PDB file of all heavy atoms in Angstrom:
ATOM      1  N   TYR A   1     108.216  81.750 108.008  1.00  0.00           N
ATOM      2  CA  TYR A   1     109.055  80.852 108.804  1.00  0.00           C
ATOM      3  C   TYR A   1     108.160  79.848 109.522  1.00  0.00           C
ATOM      4  O   TYR A   1     107.240  80.229 110.258  1.00  0.00           O
ATOM      5  CB  TYR A   1     109.868  81.653 109.816  1.00  0.00           C
ATOM      6  CG  TYR A   1     110.693  80.790 110.750  1.00  0.00           C
ATOM      7  CD1 TYR A   1     111.831  80.131 110.286  1.00  0.00           C
ATOM      8  CD2 TYR A   1     110.324  80.627 112.081  1.00  0.00           C
ATOM      9  CE1 TYR A   1     112.587  79.325 111.134  1.00  0.00           C
ATOM     10  CE2 TYR A   1     111.078  79.836 112.942  1.00  0.00           C
ATOM     11  CZ  TYR A   1     112.200  79.181 112.463  1.00  0.00           C
ATOM     12  OH  TYR A   1     112.942  78.387 113.305  1.00  0.00           O
ATOM     13  N   MET A   2     108.390  78.576 109.284  1.00  0.00           N
ATOM     14  CA  MET A   2     107.596  77.506 109.899  1.00  0.00           C
ATOM     15  C   MET A   2     106.095  77.739 109.668  1.00  0.00           C
ATOM     16  O   MET A   2     105.279  77.619 110.565  1.00  0.00           O
ATOM     17  CB  MET A   2     107.905  77.397 111.390  1.00  0.00           C
ATOM     18  CG  MET A   2     109.351  77.088 111.726  1.00  0.00           C
ATOM     19  SD  MET A   2     109.883  75.448 111.180  1.00  0.00           S
ATOM     20  CE  MET A   2     109.100  74.423 112.419  1.00  0.00           C
ATOM     21  N   GLU A   3     105.758  78.128 108.434  1.00  0.00           N
ATOM     22  CA  GLU A   3     104.373  78.357 108.004  1.00  0.00           C
ATOM     23  C   GLU A   3     103.682  79.492 108.768  1.00  0.00           C
ATOM     24  O   GLU A   3     102.443  79.488 108.892  1.00  0.00           O
ATOM     25  CB  GLU A   3     103.541  77.077 108.089  1.00  0.00           C
ATOM     26  CG  GLU A   3     103.675  76.188 106.860  1.00  0.00           C
ATOM     27  CD  GLU A   3     103.296  76.891 105.562  1.00  0.00           C
ATOM     28  OE1 GLU A   3     102.104  77.152 105.323  1.00  0.00           O
ATOM     29  OE2 GLU A   3     104.204  77.191 104.760  1.00  0.00           O
ATOM     30  N   LYS A   4     104.452  80.461 109.231  1.00  0.00           N
ATOM     31  CA  LYS A   4     103.883  81.674 109.804  1.00  0.00           C
ATOM     32  C   LYS A   4     104.515  82.876 109.113  1.00  0.00           C
ATOM     33  O   LYS A   4     105.722  82.879 108.856  1.00  0.00           O
ATOM     34  CB  LYS A   4     104.132  81.754 111.311  1.00  0.00           C
ATOM     35  CG  LYS A   4     103.285  80.790 112.130  1.00  0.00           C
ATOM     36  CD  LYS A   4     103.450  81.054 113.624  1.00  0.00           C
ATOM     37  CE  LYS A   4     102.546  80.144 114.442  1.00  0.00           C
ATOM     38  NZ  LYS A   4     102.677  80.406 115.902  1.00  0.00           N
ATOM     39  N   VAL A   5     103.677  83.877 108.822  1.00  0.00           N
ATOM     40  CA  VAL A   5     104.174  85.094 108.178  1.00  0.00           C
ATOM     41  C   VAL A   5     104.583  86.082 109.265  1.00  0.00           C
ATOM     42  O   VAL A   5     103.748  86.539 110.046  1.00  0.00           O
ATOM     43  CB  VAL A   5     103.102  85.717 107.257  1.00  0.00           C
ATOM     44  CG1 VAL A   5     103.661  86.954 106.558  1.00  0.00           C
ATOM     45  CG2 VAL A   5     102.620  84.701 106.228  1.00  0.00           C
ATOM     46  N   ARG A   6     105.887  86.427 109.314  1.00  0.00           N
ATOM     47  CA  ARG A   6     106.402  87.316 110.352  1.00  0.00           C
ATOM     48  C   ARG A   6     106.821  88.649 109.743  1.00  0.00           C
ATOM     49  O   ARG A   6     107.421  88.697 108.657  1.00  0.00           O
ATOM     50  CB  ARG A   6     107.614  86.680 111.050  1.00  0.00           C
ATOM     51  CG  ARG A   6     107.329  85.290 111.583  1.00  0.00           C
ATOM     52  CD  ARG A   6     108.334  84.830 112.626  1.00  0.00           C
ATOM     53  NE  ARG A   6     109.731  85.007 112.243  1.00  0.00           N
ATOM     54  CZ  ARG A   6     110.759  84.592 112.992  1.00  0.00           C
ATOM     55  NH1 ARG A   6     110.528  83.989 114.152  1.00  0.00           N
ATOM     56  NH2 ARG A   6     111.999  84.759 112.592  1.00  0.00           N
ATOM     57  N   ASP A   7     106.491  89.721 110.441  1.00  0.00           N
ATOM     58  CA  ASP A   7     106.857  91.069 110.004  1.00  0.00           C
ATOM     59  C   ASP A   7     108.294  91.350 110.436  1.00  0.00           C
ATOM     60  O   ASP A   7     108.599  91.400 111.638  1.00  0.00           O
ATOM     61  CB  ASP A   7     105.898  92.087 110.641  1.00  0.00           C
ATOM     62  CG  ASP A   7     106.027  93.470 110.036  1.00  0.00           C
ATOM     63  OD1 ASP A   7     107.133  93.818 109.570  1.00  0.00           O
ATOM     64  OD2 ASP A   7     105.027  94.208 110.033  1.00  0.00           O
ATOM     65  N   LEU A   8     109.188  91.552 109.499  1.00  0.00           N
ATOM     66  CA  LEU A   8     110.594  91.770 109.837  1.00  0.00           C
ATOM     67  C   LEU A   8     110.886  93.208 110.260  1.00  0.00           C
ATOM     68  O   LEU A   8     111.990  93.507 110.717  1.00  0.00           O
ATOM     69  CB  LEU A   8     111.492  91.372 108.661  1.00  0.00           C
ATOM     70  CG  LEU A   8     111.510  89.872 108.359  1.00  0.00           C
ATOM     71  CD1 LEU A   8     112.339  89.572 107.116  1.00  0.00           C
ATOM     72  CD2 LEU A   8     112.025  89.067 109.540  1.00  0.00           C
ATOM     73  N   PHE A   9     109.905  94.095 110.110  1.00  0.00           N
ATOM     74  CA  PHE A   9     110.038  95.461 110.635  1.00  0.00           C
ATOM     75  C   PHE A   9     109.442  95.597 112.034  1.00  0.00           C
ATOM     76  O   PHE A   9     109.665  96.579 112.718  1.00  0.00           O
ATOM     77  CB  PHE A   9     109.361  96.461 109.694  1.00  0.00           C
ATOM     78  CG  PHE A   9     110.084  96.652 108.383  1.00  0.00           C
ATOM     79  CD1 PHE A   9     109.375  96.990 107.236  1.00  0.00           C
ATOM     80  CD2 PHE A   9     111.453  96.502 108.299  1.00  0.00           C
ATOM     81  CE1 PHE A   9     110.035  97.180 106.026  1.00  0.00           C
ATOM     82  CE2 PHE A   9     112.116  96.682 107.094  1.00  0.00           C
ATOM     83  CZ  PHE A   9     111.404  97.017 105.950  1.00  0.00           C
ATOM     84  N   ASP A  10     108.640  94.608 112.431  1.00  0.00           N
ATOM     85  CA  ASP A  10     108.019  94.621 113.761  1.00  0.00           C
ATOM     86  C   ASP A  10     107.826  93.165 114.198  1.00  0.00           C
ATOM     87  O   ASP A  10     106.844  92.521 113.836  1.00  0.00           O
ATOM     88  CB  ASP A  10     106.673  95.360 113.715  1.00  0.00           C
ATOM     89  CG  ASP A  10     106.024  95.482 115.084  1.00  0.00           C
ATOM     90  OD1 ASP A  10     106.551  94.882 116.056  1.00  0.00           O
ATOM     91  OD2 ASP A  10     104.987  96.174 115.189  1.00  0.00           O
ATOM     92  N   LEU A  11     108.776  92.660 114.971  1.00  0.00           N
ATOM     93  CA  LEU A  11     108.775  91.239 115.327  1.00  0.00           C
ATOM     94  C   LEU A  11     107.604  90.839 116.217  1.00  0.00           C
ATOM     95  O   LEU A  11     107.355  89.647 116.414  1.00  0.00           O
ATOM     96  CB  LEU A  11     110.097  90.886 116.017  1.00  0.00           C
ATOM     97  CG  LEU A  11     111.346  90.984 115.131  1.00  0.00           C
ATOM     98  CD1 LEU A  11     112.598  90.640 115.926  1.00  0.00           C
ATOM     99  CD2 LEU A  11     111.225  90.090 113.910  1.00  0.00           C
ATOM    100  N   SER A  12     106.882  91.812 116.778  1.00  0.00           N
ATOM    101  CA  SER A  12     105.698  91.470 117.575  1.00  0.00           C
ATOM    102  C   SER A  12     104.568  90.947 116.690  1.00  0.00           C
ATOM    103  O   SER A  12     103.661  90.273 117.156  1.00  0.00           O
ATOM    104  CB  SER A  12     105.213  92.699 118.363  1.00  0.00           C
ATOM    105  OG  SER A  12     104.748  93.712 117.490  1.00  0.00           O
ATOM    106  N   LYS A  13     104.631  91.247 115.397  1.00  0.00           N
ATOM    107  CA  LYS A  13     103.639  90.748 114.438  1.00  0.00           C
ATOM    108  C   LYS A  13     104.195  89.462 113.836  1.00  0.00           C
ATOM    109  O   LYS A  13     104.832  89.471 112.777  1.00  0.00           O
ATOM    110  CB  LYS A  13     103.364  91.785 113.352  1.00  0.00           C
ATOM    111  CG  LYS A  13     102.842  93.120 113.879  1.00  0.00           C
ATOM    112  CD  LYS A  13     102.699  94.131 112.753  1.00  0.00           C
ATOM    113  CE  LYS A  13     102.205  95.481 113.268  1.00  0.00           C
ATOM    114  NZ  LYS A  13     102.104  96.488 112.174  1.00  0.00           N
ATOM    115  N   ASP A  14     103.959  88.367 114.532  1.00  0.00           N
ATOM    116  CA  ASP A  14     104.596  87.109 114.135  1.00  0.00           C
ATOM    117  C   ASP A  14     103.643  86.109 113.490  1.00  0.00           C
ATOM    118  O   ASP A  14     104.022  84.955 113.255  1.00  0.00           O
ATOM    119  CB  ASP A  14     105.284  86.466 115.337  1.00  0.00           C
ATOM    120  CG  ASP A  14     104.307  86.125 116.458  1.00  0.00           C
ATOM    121  OD1 ASP A  14     103.117  86.487 116.334  1.00  0.00           O
ATOM    122  OD2 ASP A  14     104.727  85.497 117.445  1.00  0.00           O
ATOM    123  N   ASN A  15     102.413  86.517 113.199  1.00  0.00           N
ATOM    124  CA  ASN A  15     101.467  85.619 112.532  1.00  0.00           C
ATOM    125  C   ASN A  15     100.475  86.443 111.711  1.00  0.00           C
ATOM    126  O   ASN A  15      99.275  86.453 111.969  1.00  0.00           O
ATOM    127  CB  ASN A  15     100.738  84.750 113.555  1.00  0.00           C
ATOM    128  CG  ASN A  15      99.983  83.602 112.902  1.00  0.00           C
ATOM    129  OD1 ASN A  15     100.200  83.277 111.731  1.00  0.00           O
ATOM    130  ND2 ASN A  15      99.084  82.989 113.645  1.00  0.00           N
ATOM    131  N   ILE A  16     100.987  87.115 110.695  1.00  0.00           N
ATOM    132  CA  ILE A  16     100.177  88.004 109.859  1.00  0.00           C
ATOM    133  C   ILE A  16      99.266  87.181 108.958  1.00  0.00           C
ATOM    134  O   ILE A  16      99.685  86.163 108.383  1.00  0.00           O
ATOM    135  CB  ILE A  16     101.092  88.914 109.014  1.00  0.00           C
ATOM    136  CG1 ILE A  16     101.880  89.848 109.931  1.00  0.00           C
ATOM    137  CG2 ILE A  16     100.298  89.716 107.998  1.00  0.00           C
ATOM    138  CD1 ILE A  16     102.949  90.636 109.210  1.00  0.00           C
ATOM    139  N   LEU A  17      98.023  87.625 108.826  1.00  0.00           N
ATOM    140  CA  LEU A  17      97.056  86.927 107.979  1.00  0.00           C
ATOM    141  C   LEU A  17      97.169  87.407 106.533  1.00  0.00           C
ATOM    142  O   LEU A  17      97.417  88.574 106.267  1.00  0.00           O
ATOM    143  CB  LEU A  17      95.636  87.159 108.490  1.00  0.00           C
ATOM    144  CG  LEU A  17      95.325  86.638 109.898  1.00  0.00           C
ATOM    145  CD1 LEU A  17      93.892  86.977 110.268  1.00  0.00           C
ATOM    146  CD2 LEU A  17      95.552  85.129 109.985  1.00  0.00           C
ATOM    147  N   ILE A  18      96.975  86.476 105.619  1.00  0.00           N
ATOM    148  CA  ILE A  18      96.966  86.792 104.191  1.00  0.00           C
ATOM    149  C   ILE A  18      95.515  86.889 103.745  1.00  0.00           C
ATOM    150  O   ILE A  18      94.740  85.948 103.923  1.00  0.00           O
ATOM    151  CB  ILE A  18      97.695  85.708 103.380  1.00  0.00           C
ATOM    152  CG1 ILE A  18      99.140  85.560 103.869  1.00  0.00           C
ATOM    153  CG2 ILE A  18      97.690  86.047 101.897  1.00  0.00           C
ATOM    154  CD1 ILE A  18      99.862  84.367 103.258  1.00  0.00           C
ATOM    155  N   LYS A  19      95.147  88.035 103.183  1.00  0.00           N
ATOM    156  CA  LYS A  19      93.767  88.229 102.740  1.00  0.00           C
ATOM    157  C   LYS A  19      93.726  88.605 101.269  1.00  0.00           C
ATOM    158  O   LYS A  19      94.748  88.913 100.660  1.00  0.00           O
ATOM    159  CB  LYS A  19      93.082  89.310 103.588  1.00  0.00           C
ATOM    160  CG  LYS A  19      92.905  88.913 105.050  1.00  0.00           C
ATOM    161  CD  LYS A  19      91.987  89.863 105.778  1.00  0.00           C
ATOM    162  CE  LYS A  19      91.706  89.377 107.200  1.00  0.00           C
ATOM    163  NZ  LYS A  19      90.752  90.251 107.905  1.00  0.00           N
ATOM    164  N   GLU A  20      92.525  88.572 100.715  1.00  0.00           N
ATOM    165  CA  GLU A  20      92.350  88.888  99.299  1.00  0.00           C
ATOM    166  C   GLU A  20      91.342  90.011  99.137  1.00  0.00           C
ATOM    167  O   GLU A  20      90.241  89.968  99.691  1.00  0.00           O
ATOM    168  CB  GLU A  20      91.884  87.658  98.517  1.00  0.00           C
ATOM    169  CG  GLU A  20      91.817  87.884  97.021  1.00  0.00           C
ATOM    170  CD  GLU A  20      91.558  86.610  96.252  1.00  0.00           C
ATOM    171  OE1 GLU A  20      91.318  85.566  96.889  1.00  0.00           O
ATOM    172  OE2 GLU A  20      91.600  86.648  95.006  1.00  0.00           O
ATOM    173  N   SER A  21      91.733  91.039  98.383  1.00  0.00           N
ATOM    174  CA  SER A  21      90.865  92.180  98.100  1.00  0.00           C
ATOM    175  C   SER A  21      90.579  92.228  96.610  1.00  0.00           C
ATOM    176  O   SER A  21      91.458  91.957  95.790  1.00  0.00           O
ATOM    177  CB  SER A  21      91.555  93.480  98.543  1.00  0.00           C
ATOM    178  OG  SER A  21      91.003  94.603  97.899  1.00  0.00           O
ATOM    179  N   LYS A  22      89.346  92.577  96.260  1.00  0.00           N
ATOM    180  CA  LYS A  22      88.999  92.677  94.842  1.00  0.00           C
ATOM    181  C   LYS A  22      89.814  93.755  94.140  1.00  0.00           C
ATOM    182  O   LYS A  22      90.102  93.655  92.953  1.00  0.00           O
ATOM    183  CB  LYS A  22      87.507  92.978  94.682  1.00  0.00           C
ATOM    184  CG  LYS A  22      86.610  91.785  94.974  1.00  0.00           C
ATOM    185  CD  LYS A  22      85.180  92.087  94.628  1.00  0.00           C
ATOM    186  CE  LYS A  22      84.292  90.857  94.848  1.00  0.00           C
ATOM    187  NZ  LYS A  22      82.883  91.133  94.504  1.00  0.00           N
ATOM    188  N   VAL A  23      90.174  94.810  94.861  1.00  0.00           N
ATOM    189  CA  VAL A  23      90.929  95.920  94.273  1.00  0.00           C
ATOM    190  C   VAL A  23      92.428  95.665  94.347  1.00  0.00           C
ATOM    191  O   VAL A  23      93.154  95.809  93.365  1.00  0.00           O
ATOM    192  CB  VAL A  23      90.584  97.250  94.975  1.00  0.00           C
ATOM    193  CG1 VAL A  23      91.432  98.381  94.416  1.00  0.00           C
ATOM    194  CG2 VAL A  23      89.104  97.563  94.802  1.00  0.00           C
ATOM    195  N   GLN A  24      92.918  95.269  95.517  1.00  0.00           N
ATOM    196  CA  GLN A  24      94.353  95.166  95.738  1.00  0.00           C
ATOM    197  C   GLN A  24      94.916  93.771  95.501  1.00  0.00           C
ATOM    198  O   GLN A  24      96.122  93.586  95.473  1.00  0.00           O
ATOM    199  CB  GLN A  24      94.682  95.589  97.176  1.00  0.00           C
ATOM    200  CG  GLN A  24      94.326  97.037  97.488  1.00  0.00           C
ATOM    201  CD  GLN A  24      94.504  97.344  98.970  1.00  0.00           C
ATOM    202  OE1 GLN A  24      93.851  96.766  99.830  1.00  0.00           O
ATOM    203  NE2 GLN A  24      95.418  98.253  99.251  1.00  0.00           N
ATOM    204  N   GLY A  25      94.061  92.780  95.315  1.00  0.00           N
ATOM    205  CA  GLY A  25      94.543  91.420  95.162  1.00  0.00           C
ATOM    206  C   GLY A  25      94.934  90.825  96.508  1.00  0.00           C
ATOM    207  O   GLY A  25      94.285  91.071  97.524  1.00  0.00           O
ATOM    208  N   ILE A  26      96.021  90.065  96.549  1.00  0.00           N
ATOM    209  CA  ILE A  26      96.500  89.458  97.782  1.00  0.00           C
ATOM    210  C   ILE A  26      97.201  90.510  98.640  1.00  0.00           C
ATOM    211  O   ILE A  26      98.105  91.208  98.157  1.00  0.00           O
ATOM    212  CB  ILE A  26      97.472  88.298  97.489  1.00  0.00           C
ATOM    213  CG1 ILE A  26      96.757  87.203  96.697  1.00  0.00           C
ATOM    214  CG2 ILE A  26      98.046  87.733  98.773  1.00  0.00           C
ATOM    215  CD1 ILE A  26      95.595  86.550  97.421  1.00  0.00           C
TER     216      ILE A  26
END
């Protein structure tokens, strides 16, 4: 939402970072 990733199970997490792992991918 508005270029921020928000956790819909926990609204206090309103700017989650996207990371990349060699094993798990994105």
